[in-house]
Amino acid sequence: MAADTTVLTMHQPWASLLVYGLKRIEGRTWDSTHRGRLWIHAAAKEMDPAELEELQAFYTQVHALDGTTPQFPPAYPTSALLGCVDVVDVLPQAAVEQWPGLPHSCRMEAASPFCFLCENPKRLVVPQPLKGEHKLWQLPKAVLKVALQGLRDPPGLPPFTWRAFGDPRAMLSPAPSSRPAAPGKAKGVAVKSSAAVEPAGGSIEGRTGGSGPHQAAARSTAAAAEVPQTAEALEKRIRAVRKKLRQVSDLQGAQAGGTAEGSQVLLTGEQREKLAKAADWEAELADLEQQLAAVAVTGAERQQ
């Protein structure tokens, strides 16, 4: 059962925060058809203490909005299997941000082109030393047998489920069209689903067609386009994108300042990812502003 042995290697401290239930969205630049149990493995790279401090402050704020106080992991082991979560869905970032009724605390965690919605976290009492692999990979059966015996619920947080906020896929369905069907698509003819089944022997990431940030942003924008765009939703997304671009500008300024002084500014993986996505966000902002202008024109015409 491959679905029960699928593993994702992550850097610390994000890996431990996920199996402790503090992190409920795992962000990626690539889509995935994987659903169900996902084992979490910590990469060999040691974490940055400053990054841990920043993340602890962030997740304290996130869970305070839900009226809870998080209990952070006592340790952040590396090169080890840490536990598992259940992936209930993978959504474009824009879809999570526009999800009706979703608490603001959850929206705050949507910071990447694709969001793995995770619940039912389980931690290993004794993390198992293990070498990781790239993207999604399969856990050896011998390791799985031992790991299943050592899983425990994380302390401190109440049970959480994404289904409490409705079906996320409902808002990704296109609105019914009153236009006549195109020739060759007569009623009763089967149409291939957009949620394509992966070909035999294919990667579990399956339907992406590419894993770079530019391809991911394009897919995210396309999926978000199926969501009805109101002026309020567009303005909210515009503010979010502008905030990201301000962060990119600050990072670029820090890099330029460090170079001028003869020193090199060391960026985290997340910061480097933000710099790489700057062009995508600029293109998205231009598109959103055009959509907002079109909505404004439509509204003005209706009032006349």
Protein backbone atom coordinates (compact mmCIF):
# COMPACT_ATOMS: atom_id res chain seq x y z
CA MET A 1 0.00 0.00 0.00
CA ALA A 2 2.10 2.88 -1.33
CA ALA A 3 -0.23 5.51 0.11
CA ASP A 4 0.66 4.31 3.63
CA THR A 5 4.42 4.54 3.02
CA THR A 6 4.73 7.92 1.27
CA VAL A 7 7.29 10.23 2.88
CA LEU A 8 8.14 13.93 2.55
CA THR A 9 11.55 15.19 3.66
CA MET A 10 11.45 18.66 5.24
CA HIS A 11 13.91 20.98 6.95
CA GLN A 12 13.72 21.69 10.64
CA PRO A 13 11.99 23.28 12.48
CA TRP A 14 9.08 22.96 10.00
CA ALA A 15 9.15 19.15 10.10
CA SER A 16 8.63 18.89 13.87
CA LEU A 17 6.05 21.69 13.89
CA LEU A 18 4.01 19.66 11.41
CA VAL A 19 3.96 16.37 13.35
CA TYR A 20 3.19 18.28 16.55
CA GLY A 21 0.05 19.71 14.90
CA LEU A 22 1.22 23.34 15.16
CA LYS A 23 1.70 23.63 11.41
CA ARG A 24 -1.47 22.68 9.50
CA ILE A 25 -0.45 23.69 5.98
CA GLU A 26 2.72 22.50 4.28
CA GLY A 27 3.54 24.81 1.38
CA ARG A 28 5.16 23.62 -1.83
CA THR A 29 5.86 25.05 -5.29
CA TRP A 30 4.46 21.85 -6.85
CA ASP A 31 1.05 20.18 -6.88
CA SER A 32 0.39 16.56 -5.86
CA THR A 33 -2.35 13.96 -6.19
CA HIS A 34 -1.31 12.30 -2.93
CA ARG A 35 -4.01 12.00 -0.29
CA GLY A 36 -3.97 10.13 3.01
CA ARG A 37 -1.09 9.33 5.33
CA LEU A 38 2.14 11.24 4.72
CA TRP A 39 5.21 10.38 6.80
CA ILE A 40 7.42 13.32 7.74
CA HIS A 41 11.20 13.04 7.63
CA ALA A 42 13.64 15.70 8.88
CA ALA A 43 16.53 16.54 6.56
CA ALA A 44 20.17 16.53 7.67
CA LYS A 45 20.55 20.32 7.69
CA GLU A 46 20.68 21.83 11.17
CA MET A 47 18.12 24.55 11.81
CA ASP A 48 18.81 28.24 12.30
CA PRO A 49 17.99 29.28 15.92
CA ALA A 50 16.84 32.70 14.71
CA GLU A 51 14.46 31.02 12.29
CA LEU A 52 13.06 28.86 15.09
CA GLU A 53 12.47 31.92 17.26
CA GLU A 54 10.65 33.65 14.40
CA LEU A 55 8.47 30.60 13.71
CA GLN A 56 7.60 30.12 17.36
CA ALA A 57 6.41 33.72 17.53
CA PHE A 58 4.38 33.22 14.34
CA TYR A 59 2.64 30.01 15.47
CA THR A 60 1.99 31.46 18.92
CA GLN A 61 0.12 34.27 17.17
CA VAL A 62 -1.68 31.85 14.83
CA HIS A 63 -3.01 29.60 17.58
CA ALA A 64 -3.82 32.53 19.89
CA LEU A 65 -6.46 33.49 17.30
CA ASP A 66 -8.08 30.09 17.98
CA GLY A 67 -7.83 30.58 21.74
CA THR A 68 -5.08 27.98 22.28
CA THR A 69 -1.49 28.08 23.51
CA PRO A 70 0.87 25.83 21.53
CA GLN A 71 3.32 23.45 23.16
CA PHE A 72 6.44 23.49 21.03
CA PRO A 73 8.60 20.39 20.50
CA PRO A 74 11.34 19.90 23.12
CA ALA A 75 13.85 18.97 20.40
CA TYR A 76 14.26 19.19 16.61
CA PRO A 77 16.17 16.07 15.45
CA THR A 78 17.64 15.86 11.96
CA SER A 79 18.17 12.95 9.53
CA ALA A 80 15.26 11.13 11.16
CA LEU A 81 11.69 9.98 10.63
CA LEU A 82 9.53 12.08 12.98
CA GLY A 83 5.93 10.95 12.52
CA CYS A 84 3.07 11.45 10.09
CA VAL A 85 0.01 13.52 9.15
CA ASP A 86 -3.04 12.96 6.94
CA VAL A 87 -3.18 15.04 3.74
CA VAL A 88 -6.87 15.73 3.06
CA ASP A 89 -6.34 17.94 -0.01
CA VAL A 90 -3.87 20.06 -1.96
CA LEU A 91 -5.18 23.49 -2.99
CA PRO A 92 -3.78 26.53 -4.81
CA GLN A 93 -2.81 29.31 -2.41
CA ALA A 94 -5.47 31.67 -3.75
CA ALA A 95 -8.19 29.09 -3.12
CA VAL A 96 -7.22 28.80 0.55
CA GLU A 97 -7.06 32.58 0.95
CA GLN A 98 -10.57 32.93 -0.52
CA TRP A 99 -12.14 29.94 1.25
CA PRO A 100 -15.46 31.18 2.68
CA GLY A 101 -15.69 30.68 6.44
CA LEU A 102 -12.07 29.59 6.88
CA PRO A 103 -10.58 31.10 10.07
CA HIS A 104 -7.96 33.80 9.62
CA SER A 105 -5.55 31.66 11.63
CA CYS A 106 -5.59 29.05 8.83
CA ARG A 107 -5.29 31.64 6.06
CA MET A 108 -2.14 32.97 7.71
CA GLU A 109 -0.39 29.66 7.00
CA ALA A 110 -1.07 29.78 3.23
CA ALA A 111 2.23 31.20 1.98
CA SER A 112 3.19 29.01 -1.01
CA PRO A 113 1.72 28.33 -4.48
CA PHE A 114 0.32 24.95 -3.35
CA CYS A 115 -0.99 24.17 0.12
CA PHE A 116 -1.02 20.62 1.52
CA LEU A 117 -3.91 20.60 4.02
CA CYS A 118 -2.77 18.43 6.93
CA GLU A 119 -4.59 17.02 9.96
CA ASN A 120 -4.42 14.08 12.40
CA PRO A 121 -0.74 14.60 13.30
CA LYS A 122 1.16 11.80 15.00
CA ARG A 123 4.69 12.01 16.42
CA LEU A 124 7.16 9.23 16.99
CA VAL A 125 8.12 8.83 20.64
CA VAL A 126 11.61 7.88 19.44
CA PRO A 127 12.49 9.41 16.04
CA GLN A 128 14.10 6.85 13.72
CA PRO A 129 17.46 7.78 12.13
CA LEU A 130 16.97 7.65 8.38
CA LYS A 131 18.39 9.17 5.21
CA GLY A 132 15.87 11.15 3.16
CA GLU A 133 15.19 11.62 -0.54
CA HIS A 134 13.91 14.34 -2.86
CA LYS A 135 10.19 15.24 -3.01
CA LEU A 136 7.87 12.32 -2.20
CA TRP A 137 9.41 8.89 -1.66
CA GLN A 138 8.50 5.51 -0.17
CA LEU A 139 9.33 4.34 3.35
CA PRO A 140 11.04 0.92 3.58
CA LYS A 141 8.62 -1.66 4.97
CA ALA A 142 11.01 -2.64 7.76
CA VAL A 143 11.10 0.97 8.97
CA LEU A 144 7.31 1.26 8.62
CA LYS A 145 6.70 -1.74 10.87
CA VAL A 146 8.70 -0.20 13.72
CA ALA A 147 7.33 3.30 13.17
CA LEU A 148 3.68 2.24 13.42
CA GLN A 149 4.31 1.00 16.96
CA GLY A 150 5.80 4.30 18.16
CA LEU A 151 3.17 6.83 17.03
CA ARG A 152 1.53 9.06 19.63
CA ASP A 153 -0.78 12.09 19.56
CA PRO A 154 0.99 15.44 20.02
CA PRO A 155 0.38 17.29 23.29
CA GLY A 156 -1.51 20.49 23.89
CA LEU A 157 -3.75 21.15 20.91
CA PRO A 158 -7.42 20.18 20.47
CA PRO A 159 -8.44 17.97 17.51
CA PHE A 160 -8.53 19.81 14.19
CA THR A 161 -10.19 18.94 10.87
CA TRP A 162 -10.39 20.90 7.64
CA ARG A 163 -13.81 19.42 6.86
CA ALA A 164 -15.27 21.53 9.67
CA PHE A 165 -15.11 24.44 7.22
CA GLY A 166 -16.85 22.71 4.29
CA ASP A 167 -15.67 21.00 1.15
CA PRO A 168 -12.72 22.96 -0.29
CA ARG A 169 -13.24 21.46 -3.75
CA ALA A 170 -16.75 22.91 -4.03
CA MET A 171 -15.41 26.40 -4.62
CA LEU A 172 -13.03 25.16 -7.32
CA SER A 173 -15.90 23.84 -9.48
CA PRO A 174 -16.78 26.12 -12.41
CA ALA A 175 -20.19 27.77 -12.24
CA PRO A 176 -22.89 26.11 -14.41
CA SER A 177 -22.94 27.62 -17.89
CA SER A 178 -26.09 28.57 -19.79
CA ARG A 179 -24.24 28.53 -23.09
CA PRO A 180 -24.95 25.66 -25.50
CA ALA A 181 -22.48 22.80 -25.54
CA ALA A 182 -19.69 22.98 -28.09
CA PRO A 183 -19.92 20.72 -31.17
CA GLY A 184 -18.70 17.20 -30.47
CA LYS A 185 -19.61 17.42 -26.78
CA ALA A 186 -23.15 16.15 -26.92
CA LYS A 187 -24.96 15.27 -23.75
CA GLY A 188 -24.00 11.87 -22.41
CA VAL A 189 -20.49 11.85 -23.89
CA ALA A 190 -17.89 11.17 -21.22
CA VAL A 191 -15.40 14.00 -20.68
CA LYS A 192 -11.98 13.39 -19.19
CA SER A 193 -11.71 14.75 -15.65
CA SER A 194 -9.23 17.56 -14.97
CA ALA A 195 -8.16 15.63 -11.88
CA ALA A 196 -6.33 13.14 -14.04
CA VAL A 197 -5.32 9.74 -12.73
CA GLU A 198 -1.56 9.26 -12.71
CA PRO A 199 -0.19 6.96 -15.42
CA ALA A 200 1.22 3.62 -14.30
CA GLY A 201 4.81 3.97 -13.16
CA GLY A 202 4.52 7.75 -13.01
CA SER A 203 5.66 10.04 -10.24
CA ILE A 204 3.28 10.54 -7.35
CA GLU A 205 3.44 14.27 -8.09
CA GLY A 206 1.69 13.25 -11.33
CA ARG A 207 -0.30 15.99 -12.88
CA THR A 208 1.93 19.04 -12.43
CA GLY A 209 3.83 18.93 -15.72
CA GLY A 210 6.66 20.85 -14.04
CA SER A 211 7.94 21.69 -10.60
CA GLY A 212 9.57 25.12 -10.96
CA PRO A 213 8.12 28.25 -9.30
CA HIS A 214 7.03 29.77 -12.62
CA GLN A 215 5.00 26.68 -13.61
CA ALA A 216 3.55 26.46 -10.09
CA ALA A 217 2.47 30.11 -10.08
CA ALA A 218 0.84 29.67 -13.48
CA ARG A 219 -1.12 26.64 -12.25
CA SER A 220 -2.09 28.47 -9.08
CA THR A 221 -3.37 31.45 -11.06
CA ALA A 222 -5.30 29.19 -13.46
CA ALA A 223 -6.97 27.29 -10.62
CA ALA A 224 -7.80 30.51 -8.80
CA ALA A 225 -9.42 31.88 -11.94
CA GLU A 226 -12.19 29.31 -11.49
CA VAL A 227 -13.11 30.96 -8.19
CA PRO A 228 -15.68 33.79 -8.65
CA GLN A 229 -13.72 37.05 -8.36
CA THR A 230 -15.47 39.86 -6.48
CA ALA A 231 -13.95 43.30 -6.01
CA GLU A 232 -13.45 42.54 -2.32
CA ALA A 233 -11.66 39.24 -3.05
CA LEU A 234 -9.46 40.88 -5.70
CA GLU A 235 -8.51 43.76 -3.41
CA LYS A 236 -7.63 41.31 -0.64
CA ARG A 237 -5.41 39.27 -2.95
CA ILE A 238 -3.79 42.44 -4.31
CA ARG A 239 -2.89 43.51 -0.77
CA ALA A 240 -1.41 40.07 -0.11
CA VAL A 241 0.70 40.10 -3.29
CA ARG A 242 1.90 43.65 -2.62
CA LYS A 243 2.97 42.56 0.85
CA LYS A 244 4.99 39.70 -0.65
CA LEU A 245 6.64 42.10 -3.12
CA ARG A 246 7.54 44.46 -0.26
CA GLN A 247 9.21 41.53 1.49
CA VAL A 248 11.11 40.74 -1.71
CA SER A 249 12.20 44.38 -1.95
CA ASP A 250 13.45 44.29 1.65
CA LEU A 251 15.41 41.09 0.95
CA GLN A 252 16.94 42.59 -2.20
CA GLY A 253 17.90 45.70 -0.23
CA ALA A 254 19.52 43.58 2.48
CA GLN A 255 21.49 41.68 -0.15
CA ALA A 256 22.64 44.88 -1.84
CA GLY A 257 23.66 46.41 1.49
CA GLY A 258 25.61 43.34 2.50
CA THR A 259 27.46 43.28 -0.83
CA ALA A 260 28.33 46.97 -0.56
CA GLU A 261 29.87 46.40 2.87
CA GLY A 262 31.89 43.45 1.60
CA SER A 263 29.94 40.82 3.51
CA GLN A 264 27.52 38.19 2.24
CA VAL A 265 23.94 38.11 3.53
CA LEU A 266 22.90 34.51 4.23
CA LEU A 267 19.28 33.86 3.26
CA THR A 268 17.05 31.03 4.46
CA GLY A 269 15.52 28.60 1.99
CA GLU A 270 12.15 30.34 2.36
CA GLN A 271 13.73 33.75 1.65
CA ARG A 272 15.48 32.44 -1.46
CA GLU A 273 12.17 30.99 -2.63
CA LYS A 274 10.52 34.40 -2.22
CA LEU A 275 13.21 36.05 -4.36
CA ALA A 276 12.75 33.38 -7.04
CA LYS A 277 9.00 34.03 -7.19
CA ALA A 278 9.25 37.84 -7.49
CA ALA A 279 8.58 37.86 -11.24
CA ASP A 280 5.54 35.58 -10.81
CA TRP A 281 4.07 37.84 -8.14
CA GLU A 282 4.65 40.95 -10.29
CA ALA A 283 2.82 39.28 -13.19
CA GLU A 284 0.01 38.18 -10.87
CA LEU A 285 -0.34 41.71 -9.46
CA ALA A 286 -0.67 43.19 -12.95
CA ASP A 287 -3.32 40.59 -13.84
CA LEU A 288 -5.25 41.19 -10.60
CA GLU A 289 -5.24 44.95 -11.13
CA GLN A 290 -6.63 44.43 -14.64
CA GLN A 291 -9.37 42.16 -13.26
CA LEU A 292 -10.25 44.72 -10.58
CA ALA A 293 -10.47 47.48 -13.19
CA ALA A 294 -12.79 45.28 -15.29
CA VAL A 295 -15.00 44.59 -12.27
CA ALA A 296 -15.18 48.32 -11.54
CA VAL A 297 -16.22 49.07 -15.14
CA THR A 298 -18.89 46.38 -15.04
CA GLY A 299 -20.25 47.76 -11.79
CA ALA A 300 -20.37 51.29 -13.18
CA GLU A 301 -22.22 50.11 -16.30
CA ARG A 302 -24.83 48.33 -14.19
CA GLN A 303 -25.50 51.49 -12.22
CA GLN A 304 -26.15 53.52 -15.39
